[in-house]
Amino acid sequence: MAGSSWKKSPPELVAAFATCVHAHPELAMRQMFGYPAAFLGGHLTTSLYQDRWVVRLADADRAALRELGGGDFEPMPGRPMREYVTLPASIIADPAALDAWIARAIDHVGTLAPK
């Protein structure tokens, strides 16, 4: 099943994720499914999945991100994760834009009851 095998995240994406998340000390870093992930109040806030960067956002922010080229997050085809979208490469390449989207994810997850 080569087509469905798990892929590691590219090292440069892992490094960018670590740099970005470390700028937000309120996030707790840990691994999820073998990928780096950041949690707030026990809720997944942002993570990597293969070669994609995933964020949890409110409805309006998800819609705005899709307009910028973000996509629905489907770890398995046909099984989208509600509230999660992937960041487009253009945002990942822009540290200020990336940080702003991570801040939006933190703001949204901060409204959820801690687990």
N, C-alpha and C. Protein backbone atom coordinates (compact mmCIF):
# COMPACT_ATOMS: atom_id res chain seq x y z
N MET A 1 0.83 -1.19 0.00
CA MET A 1 0.00 0.00 0.00
C MET A 1 0.87 1.25 0.00
N ALA A 2 1.69 1.40 -0.99
CA ALA A 2 2.61 2.53 -1.05
C ALA A 2 1.87 3.87 -1.12
N GLY A 3 0.72 3.90 -1.78
CA GLY A 3 -0.01 5.15 -1.93
C GLY A 3 -0.58 5.68 -0.62
N SER A 4 -0.81 4.79 0.35
CA SER A 4 -1.41 5.24 1.60
C SER A 4 -0.40 5.24 2.75
N SER A 5 0.86 5.07 2.44
CA SER A 5 1.86 5.02 3.51
C SER A 5 2.06 6.39 4.13
N TRP A 6 2.49 6.39 5.40
CA TRP A 6 2.73 7.62 6.13
C TRP A 6 4.02 8.24 5.64
N LYS A 7 4.00 9.54 5.47
CA LYS A 7 5.20 10.27 5.07
C LYS A 7 5.63 11.16 6.23
N LYS A 8 6.94 11.22 6.43
CA LYS A 8 7.47 12.14 7.42
C LYS A 8 7.31 13.57 6.91
N SER A 9 7.21 14.50 7.83
CA SER A 9 7.18 15.91 7.45
C SER A 9 8.57 16.32 7.01
N PRO A 10 8.67 17.19 5.99
CA PRO A 10 9.99 17.67 5.56
C PRO A 10 10.70 18.39 6.71
N PRO A 11 12.02 18.19 6.84
CA PRO A 11 12.77 18.81 7.95
C PRO A 11 12.60 20.32 8.05
N GLU A 12 12.53 21.01 6.92
CA GLU A 12 12.38 22.47 6.96
C GLU A 12 11.01 22.87 7.50
N LEU A 13 9.99 22.04 7.26
CA LEU A 13 8.66 22.32 7.80
C LEU A 13 8.65 22.07 9.31
N VAL A 14 9.31 21.01 9.74
CA VAL A 14 9.42 20.71 11.18
C VAL A 14 10.13 21.85 11.90
N ALA A 15 11.21 22.36 11.29
CA ALA A 15 11.96 23.46 11.89
C ALA A 15 11.10 24.73 11.97
N ALA A 16 10.37 25.04 10.91
CA ALA A 16 9.51 26.22 10.90
C ALA A 16 8.40 26.07 11.96
N PHE A 17 7.86 24.87 12.10
CA PHE A 17 6.82 24.62 13.10
C PHE A 17 7.37 24.86 14.50
N ALA A 18 8.53 24.31 14.78
CA ALA A 18 9.14 24.47 16.10
C ALA A 18 9.40 25.95 16.42
N THR A 19 9.94 26.67 15.45
CA THR A 19 10.23 28.10 15.64
C THR A 19 8.95 28.87 15.94
N CYS A 20 7.92 28.61 15.16
CA CYS A 20 6.66 29.33 15.32
C CYS A 20 6.00 28.99 16.66
N VAL A 21 5.93 27.72 16.99
CA VAL A 21 5.26 27.31 18.22
C VAL A 21 6.01 27.81 19.45
N HIS A 22 7.33 27.80 19.41
CA HIS A 22 8.11 28.27 20.57
C HIS A 22 7.90 29.75 20.84
N ALA A 23 7.41 30.50 19.85
CA ALA A 23 7.10 31.91 20.05
C ALA A 23 5.80 32.09 20.85
N HIS A 24 5.10 30.98 21.09
CA HIS A 24 3.82 31.01 21.82
C HIS A 24 3.92 30.06 23.02
N PRO A 25 4.48 30.55 24.13
CA PRO A 25 4.73 29.68 25.28
C PRO A 25 3.46 29.08 25.90
N GLU A 26 2.30 29.62 25.56
CA GLU A 26 1.06 29.05 26.09
C GLU A 26 0.73 27.69 25.46
N LEU A 27 1.41 27.38 24.33
CA LEU A 27 1.18 26.10 23.66
C LEU A 27 2.07 25.02 24.24
N ALA A 28 1.51 23.83 24.39
CA ALA A 28 2.26 22.66 24.85
C ALA A 28 2.58 21.79 23.64
N MET A 29 3.86 21.55 23.43
CA MET A 29 4.31 20.73 22.29
C MET A 29 4.29 19.26 22.67
N ARG A 30 3.81 18.44 21.75
CA ARG A 30 3.96 16.99 21.86
C ARG A 30 3.73 16.36 20.50
N GLN A 31 3.95 15.08 20.40
CA GLN A 31 3.76 14.37 19.15
C GLN A 31 2.34 13.83 19.07
N MET A 32 1.78 13.85 17.87
CA MET A 32 0.49 13.22 17.63
C MET A 32 0.59 12.46 16.33
N PHE A 33 0.38 11.17 16.38
CA PHE A 33 0.52 10.30 15.20
C PHE A 33 1.90 10.42 14.57
N GLY A 34 2.90 10.69 15.41
CA GLY A 34 4.27 10.79 14.93
C GLY A 34 4.65 12.15 14.37
N TYR A 35 3.75 13.11 14.45
CA TYR A 35 4.01 14.44 13.92
C TYR A 35 4.03 15.45 15.06
N PRO A 36 4.80 16.56 14.92
CA PRO A 36 4.79 17.59 15.95
C PRO A 36 3.41 18.26 16.01
N ALA A 37 2.98 18.51 17.24
CA ALA A 37 1.66 19.11 17.45
C ALA A 37 1.74 20.05 18.65
N ALA A 38 0.85 21.03 18.67
CA ALA A 38 0.80 21.99 19.77
C ALA A 38 -0.63 22.05 20.30
N PHE A 39 -0.74 22.05 21.63
CA PHE A 39 -2.03 21.99 22.29
C PHE A 39 -2.20 23.19 23.22
N LEU A 40 -3.45 23.60 23.39
CA LEU A 40 -3.82 24.64 24.33
C LEU A 40 -5.01 24.10 25.12
N GLY A 41 -4.88 24.04 26.45
CA GLY A 41 -5.97 23.52 27.26
C GLY A 41 -6.36 22.09 26.92
N GLY A 42 -5.41 21.32 26.41
CA GLY A 42 -5.67 19.94 26.03
C GLY A 42 -6.26 19.77 24.64
N HIS A 43 -6.48 20.87 23.93
CA HIS A 43 -7.05 20.81 22.57
C HIS A 43 -5.94 21.00 21.53
N LEU A 44 -5.98 20.16 20.50
CA LEU A 44 -5.06 20.33 19.38
C LEU A 44 -5.32 21.70 18.75
N THR A 45 -4.28 22.49 18.64
CA THR A 45 -4.40 23.85 18.10
C THR A 45 -3.78 23.93 16.72
N THR A 46 -2.59 23.34 16.57
CA THR A 46 -1.90 23.31 15.28
C THR A 46 -0.97 22.11 15.27
N SER A 47 -0.75 21.58 14.08
CA SER A 47 0.15 20.43 13.95
C SER A 47 0.62 20.29 12.51
N LEU A 48 1.60 19.43 12.36
CA LEU A 48 1.99 19.02 11.03
C LEU A 48 1.37 17.66 10.77
N TYR A 49 1.10 17.39 9.50
CA TYR A 49 0.64 16.08 9.07
C TYR A 49 1.22 15.85 7.69
N GLN A 50 2.17 14.95 7.60
CA GLN A 50 2.92 14.71 6.38
C GLN A 50 3.54 16.03 5.92
N ASP A 51 3.20 16.52 4.74
CA ASP A 51 3.80 17.77 4.25
C ASP A 51 2.85 18.95 4.41
N ARG A 52 1.87 18.81 5.31
CA ARG A 52 0.87 19.86 5.51
C ARG A 52 0.94 20.40 6.94
N TRP A 53 0.59 21.67 7.06
CA TRP A 53 0.50 22.35 8.37
C TRP A 53 -0.97 22.61 8.62
N VAL A 54 -1.47 22.13 9.74
CA VAL A 54 -2.88 22.15 10.07
C VAL A 54 -3.14 23.13 11.21
N VAL A 55 -4.24 23.88 11.14
CA VAL A 55 -4.64 24.78 12.22
C VAL A 55 -6.13 24.58 12.51
N ARG A 56 -6.51 24.78 13.77
CA ARG A 56 -7.91 24.74 14.18
C ARG A 56 -8.40 26.17 14.28
N LEU A 57 -9.47 26.47 13.53
CA LEU A 57 -9.94 27.84 13.45
C LEU A 57 -11.46 27.92 13.58
N ALA A 58 -11.93 29.10 13.93
CA ALA A 58 -13.37 29.40 13.93
C ALA A 58 -13.87 29.43 12.49
N ASP A 59 -15.18 29.32 12.33
CA ASP A 59 -15.79 29.25 11.00
C ASP A 59 -15.33 30.36 10.05
N ALA A 60 -15.40 31.61 10.51
CA ALA A 60 -15.06 32.74 9.65
C ALA A 60 -13.59 32.69 9.23
N ASP A 61 -12.72 32.31 10.15
CA ASP A 61 -11.30 32.22 9.82
C ASP A 61 -11.02 31.07 8.86
N ARG A 62 -11.74 29.95 9.02
CA ARG A 62 -11.57 28.84 8.07
C ARG A 62 -11.97 29.28 6.67
N ALA A 63 -13.07 29.99 6.58
CA ALA A 63 -13.53 30.47 5.27
C ALA A 63 -12.50 31.43 4.66
N ALA A 64 -11.96 32.33 5.48
CA ALA A 64 -10.96 33.29 4.99
C ALA A 64 -9.70 32.56 4.53
N LEU A 65 -9.29 31.55 5.27
CA LEU A 65 -8.08 30.82 4.91
C LEU A 65 -8.27 30.02 3.62
N ARG A 66 -9.47 29.46 3.44
CA ARG A 66 -9.75 28.74 2.18
C ARG A 66 -9.64 29.69 0.99
N GLU A 67 -10.08 30.94 1.16
CA GLU A 67 -9.99 31.91 0.07
C GLU A 67 -8.54 32.23 -0.28
N LEU A 68 -7.64 32.03 0.68
CA LEU A 68 -6.21 32.29 0.45
C LEU A 68 -5.47 31.04 -0.03
N GLY A 69 -6.20 29.97 -0.25
CA GLY A 69 -5.58 28.74 -0.77
C GLY A 69 -5.47 27.61 0.24
N GLY A 70 -5.99 27.83 1.45
CA GLY A 70 -5.99 26.77 2.44
C GLY A 70 -7.00 25.70 2.05
N GLY A 71 -6.85 24.51 2.60
CA GLY A 71 -7.75 23.43 2.25
C GLY A 71 -8.27 22.70 3.47
N ASP A 72 -9.34 21.96 3.27
CA ASP A 72 -9.87 21.14 4.35
C ASP A 72 -8.83 20.09 4.72
N PHE A 73 -8.80 19.73 5.98
CA PHE A 73 -7.86 18.72 6.45
C PHE A 73 -8.56 17.37 6.49
N GLU A 74 -8.10 16.48 5.62
CA GLU A 74 -8.63 15.12 5.56
C GLU A 74 -7.48 14.15 5.76
N PRO A 75 -7.25 13.70 7.00
CA PRO A 75 -6.16 12.74 7.20
C PRO A 75 -6.40 11.43 6.45
N MET A 76 -7.68 11.09 6.26
CA MET A 76 -8.06 9.95 5.43
C MET A 76 -9.05 10.47 4.40
N PRO A 77 -8.89 10.10 3.13
CA PRO A 77 -9.80 10.59 2.09
C PRO A 77 -11.27 10.40 2.48
N GLY A 78 -12.04 11.48 2.33
CA GLY A 78 -13.46 11.44 2.64
C GLY A 78 -13.77 11.58 4.12
N ARG A 79 -12.74 11.81 4.96
CA ARG A 79 -12.94 11.94 6.40
C ARG A 79 -12.36 13.26 6.91
N PRO A 80 -12.96 14.40 6.53
CA PRO A 80 -12.41 15.68 6.97
C PRO A 80 -12.56 15.85 8.47
N MET A 81 -11.58 16.53 9.08
CA MET A 81 -11.66 16.87 10.50
C MET A 81 -12.29 18.26 10.61
N ARG A 82 -13.44 18.29 11.24
CA ARG A 82 -14.19 19.53 11.40
C ARG A 82 -13.33 20.54 12.16
N GLU A 83 -13.39 21.79 11.77
CA GLU A 83 -12.67 22.92 12.37
C GLU A 83 -11.20 23.00 11.98
N TYR A 84 -10.68 22.04 11.23
CA TYR A 84 -9.25 22.06 10.88
C TYR A 84 -9.07 22.31 9.39
N VAL A 85 -8.13 23.19 9.08
CA VAL A 85 -7.78 23.47 7.69
C VAL A 85 -6.25 23.48 7.56
N THR A 86 -5.79 23.34 6.33
CA THR A 86 -4.35 23.37 6.09
C THR A 86 -3.94 24.75 5.60
N LEU A 87 -2.75 25.14 6.00
CA LEU A 87 -2.20 26.43 5.58
C LEU A 87 -1.59 26.31 4.18
N PRO A 88 -1.82 27.30 3.31
CA PRO A 88 -1.17 27.27 2.00
C PRO A 88 0.32 27.62 2.14
N ALA A 89 1.10 27.17 1.18
CA ALA A 89 2.55 27.39 1.20
C ALA A 89 2.90 28.87 1.30
N SER A 90 2.08 29.74 0.70
CA SER A 90 2.36 31.18 0.72
C SER A 90 2.35 31.73 2.14
N ILE A 91 1.49 31.21 3.00
CA ILE A 91 1.44 31.67 4.39
C ILE A 91 2.59 31.07 5.19
N ILE A 92 2.87 29.80 4.96
CA ILE A 92 3.97 29.14 5.67
C ILE A 92 5.29 29.85 5.38
N ALA A 93 5.44 30.36 4.16
CA ALA A 93 6.68 31.03 3.75
C ALA A 93 6.81 32.45 4.29
N ASP A 94 5.74 32.99 4.87
CA ASP A 94 5.72 34.37 5.37
C ASP A 94 5.61 34.33 6.89
N PRO A 95 6.72 34.48 7.63
CA PRO A 95 6.68 34.33 9.09
C PRO A 95 5.63 35.21 9.78
N ALA A 96 5.44 36.43 9.33
CA ALA A 96 4.45 37.31 9.97
C ALA A 96 3.03 36.80 9.74
N ALA A 97 2.73 36.39 8.52
CA ALA A 97 1.40 35.85 8.21
C ALA A 97 1.18 34.55 8.96
N LEU A 98 2.20 33.72 8.99
CA LEU A 98 2.11 32.44 9.70
C LEU A 98 1.80 32.67 11.18
N ASP A 99 2.53 33.56 11.79
CA ASP A 99 2.32 33.85 13.21
C ASP A 99 0.90 34.39 13.45
N ALA A 100 0.41 35.19 12.54
CA ALA A 100 -0.94 35.75 12.68
C ALA A 100 -1.99 34.64 12.63
N TRP A 101 -1.81 33.65 11.76
CA TRP A 101 -2.76 32.54 11.69
C TRP A 101 -2.66 31.63 12.91
N ILE A 102 -1.46 31.43 13.42
CA ILE A 102 -1.31 30.65 14.65
C ILE A 102 -1.99 31.38 15.80
N ALA A 103 -1.85 32.71 15.85
CA ALA A 103 -2.52 33.50 16.88
C ALA A 103 -4.04 33.36 16.78
N ARG A 104 -4.57 33.32 15.55
CA ARG A 104 -6.01 33.12 15.38
C ARG A 104 -6.43 31.75 15.90
N ALA A 105 -5.61 30.74 15.63
CA ALA A 105 -5.92 29.40 16.13
C ALA A 105 -5.91 29.39 17.66
N ILE A 106 -4.91 30.04 18.26
CA ILE A 106 -4.84 30.11 19.72
C ILE A 106 -6.05 30.84 20.27
N ASP A 107 -6.44 31.94 19.65
CA ASP A 107 -7.62 32.69 20.10
C ASP A 107 -8.87 31.81 20.06
N HIS A 108 -9.03 31.06 18.97
CA HIS A 108 -10.21 30.20 18.83
C HIS A 108 -10.20 29.08 19.88
N VAL A 109 -9.10 28.37 19.96
CA VAL A 109 -9.02 27.24 20.90
C VAL A 109 -9.14 27.73 22.34
N GLY A 110 -8.68 28.96 22.59
CA GLY A 110 -8.81 29.54 23.92
C GLY A 110 -10.25 29.73 24.37
N THR A 111 -11.20 29.72 23.43
CA THR A 111 -12.61 29.86 23.78
C THR A 111 -13.23 28.52 24.19
N LEU A 112 -12.52 27.42 23.98
CA LEU A 112 -13.05 26.09 24.28
C LEU A 112 -12.79 25.75 25.74
N ALA A 113 -13.67 24.99 26.33
CA ALA A 113 -13.47 24.54 27.71
C ALA A 113 -12.26 23.62 27.76
N PRO A 114 -11.36 23.82 28.73
CA PRO A 114 -10.20 22.93 28.82
C PRO A 114 -10.62 21.47 28.98
N LYS A 115 -9.81 20.59 28.42
CA LYS A 115 -10.08 19.15 28.54
C LYS A 115 -9.57 18.64 29.87
